[in-house]
Structures are given as structure tokens and as C-alpha cells.
Amino acid sequence: MRPMPLTPIMYYVYVLKSEKDGNLYIGSTNNLERRIHEHNSGWIRSTKSRVPFKLVYFEAYTAEQDARLRESRLKLRSRAFAQLKRRIKKCLEAI
């Protein structure tokens, strides 16, 4: 049996809001700080025309599969994303 690392690897599902057009972007990563930097530096083709971004929400998971499934559900099921937007309404208004 392998010993558990002191700091487990975390996987994140995140929501960014474009300061340019106000649109939201959903993604997942194992390094949230690095990924936001990549988005804001224009390194991500799908978002580079919408920089800069602000992080408005994230969820953390210890299993990558759980994070990917949540990301997929938020992207493909409008009801799941609508529910999340209602939960974080004030966060979305603040930026």
C-alpha cells in the first residue's frame, strides 16, 4: 500500500468571467493559478480574444475523473450551469 502524500493533488473546475465582454468560461485543471495565467496571457486559443479574465468560482476535487465529469455537466447541461449561476449570482455581479 502506497503512503498518502501530505498534500494531495487537487483538480479544479473553475468559472472565469471575461472583463472584456462579460461572458463566462468553464474549465478544469490541476493547477488553478497557472491555468488562469495561461488564459490571461492569451495562450489559450478559445479565450484569447476575450482577455482579461477574473476567477469567479471554483470547486476542488481529489479525483480528476470527478472534476472532468463536473466540467462536462456544466458545459453540456444548461440546467446545471443555470443552477450554479443562481448560486453565485452576487459573485457574478461583483466583477
PDB file of N, CA and C in Angstrom:
ATOM      1  N   MET A   1       0.830  -1.173   0.000  1.00  0.00           N
ATOM      2  CA  MET A   1       0.000   0.000   0.000  1.00  0.00           C
ATOM      3  C   MET A   1       0.886   1.251   0.000  1.00  0.00           C
ATOM      4  N   ARG A   2       0.610   2.173  -0.925  1.00  0.00           N
ATOM      5  CA  ARG A   2       1.391   3.403  -1.020  1.00  0.00           C
ATOM      6  C   ARG A   2       0.957   4.393   0.051  1.00  0.00           C
ATOM      7  N   PRO A   3       1.912   5.088   0.646  1.00  0.00           N
ATOM      8  CA  PRO A   3       1.528   6.106   1.631  1.00  0.00           C
ATOM      9  C   PRO A   3       0.876   7.300   0.936  1.00  0.00           C
ATOM     10  N   MET A   4      -0.060   7.910   1.611  1.00  0.00           N
ATOM     11  CA  MET A   4      -0.742   9.086   1.071  1.00  0.00           C
ATOM     12  C   MET A   4       0.213  10.277   1.117  1.00  0.00           C
ATOM     13  N   PRO A   5       0.256  11.074   0.063  1.00  0.00           N
ATOM     14  CA  PRO A   5       1.079  12.281   0.128  1.00  0.00           C
ATOM     15  C   PRO A   5       0.496  13.250   1.162  1.00  0.00           C
ATOM     16  N   LEU A   6       1.361  14.071   1.748  1.00  0.00           N
ATOM     17  CA  LEU A   6       0.892  15.020   2.758  1.00  0.00           C
ATOM     18  C   LEU A   6      -0.076  16.032   2.164  1.00  0.00           C
ATOM     19  N   THR A   7       0.191  16.459   0.945  1.00  0.00           N
ATOM     20  CA  THR A   7      -0.698  17.379   0.251  1.00  0.00           C
ATOM     21  C   THR A   7      -1.208  16.667  -0.989  1.00  0.00           C
ATOM     22  N   PRO A   8      -2.470  16.267  -0.995  1.00  0.00           N
ATOM     23  CA  PRO A   8      -2.979  15.535  -2.155  1.00  0.00           C
ATOM     24  C   PRO A   8      -3.054  16.443  -3.385  1.00  0.00           C
ATOM     25  N   ILE A   9      -2.919  15.843  -4.540  1.00  0.00           N
ATOM     26  CA  ILE A   9      -3.100  16.578  -5.786  1.00  0.00           C
ATOM     27  C   ILE A   9      -4.579  16.897  -5.906  1.00  0.00           C
ATOM     28  N   MET A  10      -4.877  18.146  -6.190  1.00  0.00           N
ATOM     29  CA  MET A  10      -6.264  18.576  -6.332  1.00  0.00           C
ATOM     30  C   MET A  10      -6.533  18.900  -7.796  1.00  0.00           C
ATOM     31  N   TYR A  11      -7.772  18.702  -8.176  1.00  0.00           N
ATOM     32  CA  TYR A  11      -8.243  19.017  -9.518  1.00  0.00           C
ATOM     33  C   TYR A  11      -9.380  20.010  -9.367  1.00  0.00           C
ATOM     34  N   TYR A  12      -9.376  21.011 -10.218  1.00  0.00           N
ATOM     35  CA  TYR A  12     -10.309  22.123 -10.054  1.00  0.00           C
ATOM     36  C   TYR A  12     -11.203  22.290 -11.276  1.00  0.00           C
ATOM     37  N   VAL A  13     -12.448  22.619 -11.014  1.00  0.00           N
ATOM     38  CA  VAL A  13     -13.376  23.087 -12.039  1.00  0.00           C
ATOM     39  C   VAL A  13     -13.550  24.563 -11.730  1.00  0.00           C
ATOM     40  N   TYR A  14     -13.413  25.396 -12.747  1.00  0.00           N
ATOM     41  CA  TYR A  14     -13.435  26.830 -12.486  1.00  0.00           C
ATOM     42  C   TYR A  14     -14.338  27.564 -13.469  1.00  0.00           C
ATOM     43  N   VAL A  15     -14.771  28.744 -13.049  1.00  0.00           N
ATOM     44  CA  VAL A  15     -15.557  29.628 -13.901  1.00  0.00           C
ATOM     45  C   VAL A  15     -14.835  30.966 -13.933  1.00  0.00           C
ATOM     46  N   LEU A  16     -14.522  31.408 -15.141  1.00  0.00           N
ATOM     47  CA  LEU A  16     -13.901  32.711 -15.351  1.00  0.00           C
ATOM     48  C   LEU A  16     -14.906  33.640 -15.996  1.00  0.00           C
ATOM     49  N   LYS A  17     -14.792  34.909 -15.672  1.00  0.00           N
ATOM     50  CA  LYS A  17     -15.637  35.915 -16.319  1.00  0.00           C
ATOM     51  C   LYS A  17     -14.730  36.874 -17.080  1.00  0.00           C
ATOM     52  N   SER A  18     -15.033  37.071 -18.358  1.00  0.00           N
ATOM     53  CA  SER A  18     -14.269  37.985 -19.190  1.00  0.00           C
ATOM     54  C   SER A  18     -14.602  39.415 -18.798  1.00  0.00           C
ATOM     55  N   GLU A  19     -13.578  40.201 -18.513  1.00  0.00           N
ATOM     56  CA  GLU A  19     -13.794  41.617 -18.225  1.00  0.00           C
ATOM     57  C   GLU A  19     -14.070  42.394 -19.513  1.00  0.00           C
ATOM     58  N   LYS A  20     -13.747  41.793 -20.638  1.00  0.00           N
ATOM     59  CA  LYS A  20     -13.953  42.450 -21.930  1.00  0.00           C
ATOM     60  C   LYS A  20     -15.418  42.390 -22.365  1.00  0.00           C
ATOM     61  N   ASP A  21     -16.010  41.190 -22.319  1.00  0.00           N
ATOM     62  CA  ASP A  21     -17.385  41.043 -22.820  1.00  0.00           C
ATOM     63  C   ASP A  21     -18.375  40.512 -21.790  1.00  0.00           C
ATOM     64  N   GLY A  22     -17.902  40.173 -20.584  1.00  0.00           N
ATOM     65  CA  GLY A  22     -18.787  39.697 -19.531  1.00  0.00           C
ATOM     66  C   GLY A  22     -19.203  38.244 -19.644  1.00  0.00           C
ATOM     67  N   ASN A  23     -18.750  37.552 -20.683  1.00  0.00           N
ATOM     68  CA  ASN A  23     -19.111  36.145 -20.850  1.00  0.00           C
ATOM     69  C   ASN A  23     -18.336  35.260 -19.881  1.00  0.00           C
ATOM     70  N   LEU A  24     -18.906  34.083 -19.618  1.00  0.00           N
ATOM     71  CA  LEU A  24     -18.306  33.131 -18.687  1.00  0.00           C
ATOM     72  C   LEU A  24     -17.624  32.003 -19.448  1.00  0.00           C
ATOM     73  N   TYR A  25     -16.583  31.450 -18.837  1.00  0.00           N
ATOM     74  CA  TYR A  25     -15.859  30.311 -19.392  1.00  0.00           C
ATOM     75  C   TYR A  25     -15.691  29.279 -18.293  1.00  0.00           C
ATOM     76  N   ILE A  26     -15.946  28.029 -18.616  1.00  0.00           N
ATOM     77  CA  ILE A  26     -15.807  26.916 -17.670  1.00  0.00           C
ATOM     78  C   ILE A  26     -14.625  26.061 -18.107  1.00  0.00           C
ATOM     79  N   GLY A  27     -13.804  25.647 -17.147  1.00  0.00           N
ATOM     80  CA  GLY A  27     -12.678  24.780 -17.462  1.00  0.00           C
ATOM     81  C   GLY A  27     -12.310  23.929 -16.264  1.00  0.00           C
ATOM     82  N   SER A  28     -11.288  23.094 -16.456  1.00  0.00           N
ATOM     83  CA  SER A  28     -10.769  22.283 -15.352  1.00  0.00           C
ATOM     84  C   SER A  28      -9.260  22.178 -15.488  1.00  0.00           C
ATOM     85  N   THR A  29      -8.595  21.970 -14.347  1.00  0.00           N
ATOM     86  CA  THR A  29      -7.136  21.924 -14.318  1.00  0.00           C
ATOM     87  C   THR A  29      -6.660  21.320 -13.005  1.00  0.00           C
ATOM     88  N   ASN A  30      -5.391  20.979 -12.951  1.00  0.00           N
ATOM     89  CA  ASN A  30      -4.804  20.545 -11.677  1.00  0.00           C
ATOM     90  C   ASN A  30      -3.930  21.644 -11.080  1.00  0.00           C
ATOM     91  N   ASN A  31      -3.857  22.802 -11.757  1.00  0.00           N
ATOM     92  CA  ASN A  31      -3.089  23.935 -11.256  1.00  0.00           C
ATOM     93  C   ASN A  31      -3.855  25.206 -11.616  1.00  0.00           C
ATOM     94  N   LEU A  32      -4.685  25.653 -10.717  1.00  0.00           N
ATOM     95  CA  LEU A  32      -5.600  26.756 -10.984  1.00  0.00           C
ATOM     96  C   LEU A  32      -4.860  28.064 -11.264  1.00  0.00           C
ATOM     97  N   GLU A  33      -3.873  28.375 -10.471  1.00  0.00           N
ATOM     98  CA  GLU A  33      -3.129  29.624 -10.655  1.00  0.00           C
ATOM     99  C   GLU A  33      -2.456  29.673 -12.034  1.00  0.00           C
ATOM    100  N   ARG A  34      -1.797  28.578 -12.412  1.00  0.00           N
ATOM    101  CA  ARG A  34      -1.138  28.512 -13.715  1.00  0.00           C
ATOM    102  C   ARG A  34      -2.141  28.659 -14.856  1.00  0.00           C
ATOM    103  N   ARG A  35      -3.272  27.982 -14.728  1.00  0.00           N
ATOM    104  CA  ARG A  35      -4.264  27.992 -15.807  1.00  0.00           C
ATOM    105  C   ARG A  35      -4.876  29.377 -16.008  1.00  0.00           C
ATOM    106  N   ILE A  36      -5.147  30.093 -14.932  1.00  0.00           N
ATOM    107  CA  ILE A  36      -5.680  31.455 -15.061  1.00  0.00           C
ATOM    108  C   ILE A  36      -4.641  32.347 -15.740  1.00  0.00           C
ATOM    109  N   HIS A  37      -3.385  32.166 -15.366  1.00  0.00           N
ATOM    110  CA  HIS A  37      -2.304  32.920 -16.008  1.00  0.00           C
ATOM    111  C   HIS A  37      -2.258  32.618 -17.513  1.00  0.00           C
ATOM    112  N   GLU A  38      -2.418  31.353 -17.882  1.00  0.00           N
ATOM    113  CA  GLU A  38      -2.421  30.978 -19.305  1.00  0.00           C
ATOM    114  C   GLU A  38      -3.567  31.653 -20.051  1.00  0.00           C
ATOM    115  N   HIS A  39      -4.744  31.669 -19.435  1.00  0.00           N
ATOM    116  CA  HIS A  39      -5.880  32.340 -20.065  1.00  0.00           C
ATOM    117  C   HIS A  39      -5.588  33.832 -20.245  1.00  0.00           C
ATOM    118  N   ASN A  40      -5.142  34.487 -19.195  1.00  0.00           N
ATOM    119  CA  ASN A  40      -4.920  35.931 -19.244  1.00  0.00           C
ATOM    120  C   ASN A  40      -3.722  36.339 -20.095  1.00  0.00           C
ATOM    121  N   SER A  41      -2.824  35.409 -20.365  1.00  0.00           N
ATOM    122  CA  SER A  41      -1.676  35.695 -21.231  1.00  0.00           C
ATOM    123  C   SER A  41      -2.009  35.477 -22.702  1.00  0.00           C
ATOM    124  N   GLY A  42      -3.212  34.984 -22.976  1.00  0.00           N
ATOM    125  CA  GLY A  42      -3.609  34.750 -24.360  1.00  0.00           C
ATOM    126  C   GLY A  42      -3.091  33.446 -24.946  1.00  0.00           C
ATOM    127  N   TRP A  43      -2.642  32.539 -24.106  1.00  0.00           N
ATOM    128  CA  TRP A  43      -2.089  31.267 -24.581  1.00  0.00           C
ATOM    129  C   TRP A  43      -3.163  30.244 -24.931  1.00  0.00           C
ATOM    130  N   ILE A  44      -4.397  30.487 -24.511  1.00  0.00           N
ATOM    131  CA  ILE A  44      -5.486  29.551 -24.768  1.00  0.00           C
ATOM    132  C   ILE A  44      -6.279  30.076 -25.960  1.00  0.00           C
ATOM    133  N   ARG A  45      -6.234  29.346 -27.050  1.00  0.00           N
ATOM    134  CA  ARG A  45      -6.828  29.808 -28.304  1.00  0.00           C
ATOM    135  C   ARG A  45      -8.306  30.165 -28.172  1.00  0.00           C
ATOM    136  N   SER A  46      -9.059  29.357 -27.443  1.00  0.00           N
ATOM    137  CA  SER A  46     -10.509  29.572 -27.356  1.00  0.00           C
ATOM    138  C   SER A  46     -10.892  30.816 -26.554  1.00  0.00           C
ATOM    139  N   THR A  47      -9.974  31.364 -25.757  1.00  0.00           N
ATOM    140  CA  THR A  47     -10.326  32.512 -24.920  1.00  0.00           C
ATOM    141  C   THR A  47      -9.456  33.736 -25.162  1.00  0.00           C
ATOM    142  N   LYS A  48      -8.461  33.643 -26.026  1.00  0.00           N
ATOM    143  CA  LYS A  48      -7.500  34.742 -26.120  1.00  0.00           C
ATOM    144  C   LYS A  48      -8.101  36.058 -26.599  1.00  0.00           C
ATOM    145  N   SER A  49      -9.209  36.016 -27.327  1.00  0.00           N
ATOM    146  CA  SER A  49      -9.824  37.268 -27.787  1.00  0.00           C
ATOM    147  C   SER A  49     -10.693  37.914 -26.709  1.00  0.00           C
ATOM    148  N   ARG A  50     -10.829  37.242 -25.563  1.00  0.00           N
ATOM    149  CA  ARG A  50     -11.733  37.733 -24.509  1.00  0.00           C
ATOM    150  C   ARG A  50     -11.007  38.136 -23.225  1.00  0.00           C
ATOM    151  N   VAL A  51      -9.682  38.202 -23.241  1.00  0.00           N
ATOM    152  CA  VAL A  51      -8.918  38.565 -22.038  1.00  0.00           C
ATOM    153  C   VAL A  51      -9.147  40.024 -21.689  1.00  0.00           C
ATOM    154  N   PRO A  52      -9.023  40.397 -20.450  1.00  0.00           N
ATOM    155  CA  PRO A  52      -8.623  39.640 -19.266  1.00  0.00           C
ATOM    156  C   PRO A  52      -9.810  38.944 -18.599  1.00  0.00           C
ATOM    157  N   PHE A  53      -9.483  37.958 -17.781  1.00  0.00           N
ATOM    158  CA  PHE A  53     -10.473  37.182 -17.047  1.00  0.00           C
ATOM    159  C   PHE A  53     -10.278  37.341 -15.551  1.00  0.00           C
ATOM    160  N   LYS A  54     -11.365  37.195 -14.822  1.00  0.00           N
ATOM    161  CA  LYS A  54     -11.343  37.129 -13.362  1.00  0.00           C
ATOM    162  C   LYS A  54     -11.958  35.800 -12.948  1.00  0.00           C
ATOM    163  N   LEU A  55     -11.351  35.174 -11.961  1.00  0.00           N
ATOM    164  CA  LEU A  55     -11.905  33.943 -11.397  1.00  0.00           C
ATOM    165  C   LEU A  55     -13.117  34.311 -10.559  1.00  0.00           C
ATOM    166  N   VAL A  56     -14.270  33.700 -10.862  1.00  0.00           N
ATOM    167  CA  VAL A  56     -15.473  33.984 -10.077  1.00  0.00           C
ATOM    168  C   VAL A  56     -15.914  32.795  -9.230  1.00  0.00           C
ATOM    169  N   TYR A  57     -15.429  31.589  -9.556  1.00  0.00           N
ATOM    170  CA  TYR A  57     -15.876  30.412  -8.814  1.00  0.00           C
ATOM    171  C   TYR A  57     -14.955  29.239  -9.123  1.00  0.00           C
ATOM    172  N   PHE A  58     -14.751  28.376  -8.128  1.00  0.00           N
ATOM    173  CA  PHE A  58     -14.074  27.107  -8.393  1.00  0.00           C
ATOM    174  C   PHE A  58     -14.529  26.055  -7.407  1.00  0.00           C
ATOM    175  N   GLU A  59     -14.391  24.809  -7.808  1.00  0.00           N
ATOM    176  CA  GLU A  59     -14.642  23.643  -6.970  1.00  0.00           C
ATOM    177  C   GLU A  59     -13.383  22.796  -7.008  1.00  0.00           C
ATOM    178  N   ALA A  60     -13.041  22.155  -5.893  1.00  0.00           N
ATOM    179  CA  ALA A  60     -11.843  21.324  -5.810  1.00  0.00           C
ATOM    180  C   ALA A  60     -12.232  19.863  -5.596  1.00  0.00           C
ATOM    181  N   TYR A  61     -11.509  18.981  -6.280  1.00  0.00           N
ATOM    182  CA  TYR A  61     -11.751  17.536  -6.209  1.00  0.00           C
ATOM    183  C   TYR A  61     -10.417  16.822  -6.024  1.00  0.00           C
ATOM    184  N   THR A  62     -10.447  15.685  -5.345  1.00  0.00           N
ATOM    185  CA  THR A  62      -9.233  14.882  -5.217  1.00  0.00           C
ATOM    186  C   THR A  62      -9.109  13.877  -6.353  1.00  0.00           C
ATOM    187  N   ALA A  63     -10.182  13.656  -7.093  1.00  0.00           N
ATOM    188  CA  ALA A  63     -10.155  12.724  -8.225  1.00  0.00           C
ATOM    189  C   ALA A  63     -10.365  13.492  -9.532  1.00  0.00           C
ATOM    190  N   GLU A  64      -9.428  13.343 -10.453  1.00  0.00           N
ATOM    191  CA  GLU A  64      -9.516  14.034 -11.739  1.00  0.00           C
ATOM    192  C   GLU A  64     -10.799  13.675 -12.487  1.00  0.00           C
ATOM    193  N   GLN A  65     -11.203  12.430 -12.426  1.00  0.00           N
ATOM    194  CA  GLN A  65     -12.409  11.987 -13.118  1.00  0.00           C
ATOM    195  C   GLN A  65     -13.642  12.742 -12.620  1.00  0.00           C
ATOM    196  N   ASP A  66     -13.726  13.010 -11.321  1.00  0.00           N
ATOM    197  CA  ASP A  66     -14.858  13.762 -10.778  1.00  0.00           C
ATOM    198  C   ASP A  66     -14.866  15.195 -11.305  1.00  0.00           C
ATOM    199  N   ALA A  67     -13.692  15.818 -11.361  1.00  0.00           N
ATOM    200  CA  ALA A  67     -13.600  17.187 -11.864  1.00  0.00           C
ATOM    201  C   ALA A  67     -13.988  17.250 -13.338  1.00  0.00           C
ATOM    202  N   ARG A  68     -13.513  16.303 -14.127  1.00  0.00           N
ATOM    203  CA  ARG A  68     -13.840  16.284 -15.563  1.00  0.00           C
ATOM    204  C   ARG A  68     -15.334  16.063 -15.787  1.00  0.00           C
ATOM    205  N   LEU A  69     -15.925  15.198 -14.993  1.00  0.00           N
ATOM    206  CA  LEU A  69     -17.358  14.940 -15.118  1.00  0.00           C
ATOM    207  C   LEU A  69     -18.161  16.194 -14.767  1.00  0.00           C
ATOM    208  N   ARG A  70     -17.768  16.885 -13.713  1.00  0.00           N
ATOM    209  CA  ARG A  70     -18.468  18.114 -13.325  1.00  0.00           C
ATOM    210  C   ARG A  70     -18.324  19.183 -14.413  1.00  0.00           C
ATOM    211  N   GLU A  71     -17.125  19.339 -14.951  1.00  0.00           N
ATOM    212  CA  GLU A  71     -16.905  20.294 -16.035  1.00  0.00           C
ATOM    213  C   GLU A  71     -17.809  19.965 -17.218  1.00  0.00           C
ATOM    214  N   SER A  72     -17.855  18.703 -17.582  1.00  0.00           N
ATOM    215  CA  SER A  72     -18.683  18.264 -18.704  1.00  0.00           C
ATOM    216  C   SER A  72     -20.153  18.558 -18.462  1.00  0.00           C
ATOM    217  N   ARG A  73     -20.610  18.280 -17.256  1.00  0.00           N
ATOM    218  CA  ARG A  73     -22.026  18.529 -16.946  1.00  0.00           C
ATOM    219  C   ARG A  73     -22.361  20.010 -16.976  1.00  0.00           C
ATOM    220  N   LEU A  74     -21.452  20.841 -16.502  1.00  0.00           N
ATOM    221  CA  LEU A  74     -21.701  22.280 -16.542  1.00  0.00           C
ATOM    222  C   LEU A  74     -21.722  22.797 -17.979  1.00  0.00           C
ATOM    223  N   LYS A  75     -20.875  22.230 -18.828  1.00  0.00           N
ATOM    224  CA  LYS A  75     -20.805  22.689 -20.214  1.00  0.00           C
ATOM    225  C   LYS A  75     -21.962  22.159 -21.060  1.00  0.00           C
ATOM    226  N   LEU A  76     -22.378  20.931 -20.806  1.00  0.00           N
ATOM    227  CA  LEU A  76     -23.365  20.299 -21.680  1.00  0.00           C
ATOM    228  C   LEU A  76     -24.795  20.364 -21.167  1.00  0.00           C
ATOM    229  N   ARG A  77     -24.968  20.590 -19.900  1.00  0.00           N
ATOM    230  CA  ARG A  77     -26.319  20.629 -19.331  1.00  0.00           C
ATOM    231  C   ARG A  77     -26.627  22.036 -18.852  1.00  0.00           C
ATOM    232  N   SER A  78     -27.411  22.740 -19.649  1.00  0.00           N
ATOM    233  CA  SER A  78     -27.688  24.139 -19.326  1.00  0.00           C
ATOM    234  C   SER A  78     -28.373  24.287 -17.971  1.00  0.00           C
ATOM    235  N   ARG A  79     -29.114  23.292 -17.563  1.00  0.00           N
ATOM    236  CA  ARG A  79     -29.793  23.354 -16.266  1.00  0.00           C
ATOM    237  C   ARG A  79     -28.778  23.372 -15.117  1.00  0.00           C
ATOM    238  N   ALA A  80     -27.734  22.559 -15.213  1.00  0.00           N
ATOM    239  CA  ALA A  80     -26.700  22.524 -14.175  1.00  0.00           C
ATOM    240  C   ALA A  80     -25.975  23.864 -14.095  1.00  0.00           C
ATOM    241  N   PHE A  81     -25.668  24.450 -15.243  1.00  0.00           N
ATOM    242  CA  PHE A  81     -24.971  25.729 -15.248  1.00  0.00           C
ATOM    243  C   PHE A  81     -25.890  26.853 -14.768  1.00  0.00           C
ATOM    244  N   ALA A  82     -27.148  26.809 -15.157  1.00  0.00           N
ATOM    245  CA  ALA A  82     -28.110  27.819 -14.696  1.00  0.00           C
ATOM    246  C   ALA A  82     -28.240  27.778 -13.176  1.00  0.00           C
ATOM    247  N   GLN A  83     -28.270  26.576 -12.621  1.00  0.00           N
ATOM    248  CA  GLN A  83     -28.362  26.430 -11.165  1.00  0.00           C
ATOM    249  C   GLN A  83     -27.116  27.008 -10.491  1.00  0.00           C
ATOM    250  N   LEU A  84     -25.944  26.735 -11.044  1.00  0.00           N
ATOM    251  CA  LEU A  84     -24.716  27.279 -10.482  1.00  0.00           C
ATOM    252  C   LEU A  84     -24.730  28.807 -10.559  1.00  0.00           C
ATOM    253  N   LYS A  85     -25.153  29.368 -11.675  1.00  0.00           N
ATOM    254  CA  LYS A  85     -25.192  30.827 -11.814  1.00  0.00           C
ATOM    255  C   LYS A  85     -26.130  31.459 -10.787  1.00  0.00           C
ATOM    256  N   ARG A  86     -27.229  30.781 -10.469  1.00  0.00           N
ATOM    257  CA  ARG A  86     -28.125  31.298  -9.425  1.00  0.00           C
ATOM    258  C   ARG A  86     -27.433  31.287  -8.064  1.00  0.00           C
ATOM    259  N   ARG A  87     -26.652  30.237  -7.799  1.00  0.00           N
ATOM    260  CA  ARG A  87     -25.950  30.120  -6.519  1.00  0.00           C
ATOM    261  C   ARG A  87     -24.872  31.181  -6.347  1.00  0.00           C
ATOM    262  N   ILE A  88     -24.236  31.582  -7.448  1.00  0.00           N
ATOM    263  CA  ILE A  88     -23.132  32.532  -7.357  1.00  0.00           C
ATOM    264  C   ILE A  88     -23.500  33.895  -7.955  1.00  0.00           C
ATOM    265  N   LYS A  89     -24.760  34.217  -7.930  1.00  0.00           N
ATOM    266  CA  LYS A  89     -25.266  35.447  -8.539  1.00  0.00           C
ATOM    267  C   LYS A  89     -24.487  36.684  -8.073  1.00  0.00           C
ATOM    268  N   LYS A  90     -24.277  36.830  -6.791  1.00  0.00           N
ATOM    269  CA  LYS A  90     -23.586  38.013  -6.261  1.00  0.00           C
ATOM    270  C   LYS A  90     -22.136  38.054  -6.722  1.00  0.00           C
ATOM    271  N   CYS A  91     -21.499  36.900  -6.826  1.00  0.00           N
ATOM    272  CA  CYS A  91     -20.119  36.847  -7.320  1.00  0.00           C
ATOM    273  C   CYS A  91     -20.037  37.335  -8.765  1.00  0.00           C
ATOM    274  N   LEU A  92     -21.006  36.958  -9.555  1.00  0.00           N
ATOM    275  CA  LEU A  92     -21.024  37.351 -10.957  1.00  0.00           C
ATOM    276  C   LEU A  92     -21.281  38.848 -11.112  1.00  0.00           C
ATOM    277  N   GLU A  93     -22.081  39.410 -10.228  1.00  0.00           N
ATOM    278  CA  GLU A  93     -22.390  40.846 -10.291  1.00  0.00           C
ATOM    279  C   GLU A  93     -21.209  41.695  -9.823  1.00  0.00           C
ATOM    280  N   ALA A  94     -20.398  41.159  -8.932  1.00  0.00           N
ATOM    281  CA  ALA A  94     -19.308  41.932  -8.331  1.00  0.00           C
ATOM    282  C   ALA A  94     -18.201  42.265  -9.322  1.00  0.00           C
ATOM    283  N   ILE A  95     -18.101  41.496 -10.371  1.00  0.00           N
ATOM    284  CA  ILE A  95     -16.986  41.711 -11.327  1.00  0.00           C
ATOM    285  C   ILE A  95     -17.519  42.337 -12.593  1.00  0.00           C
TER     286      ILE A  95
END
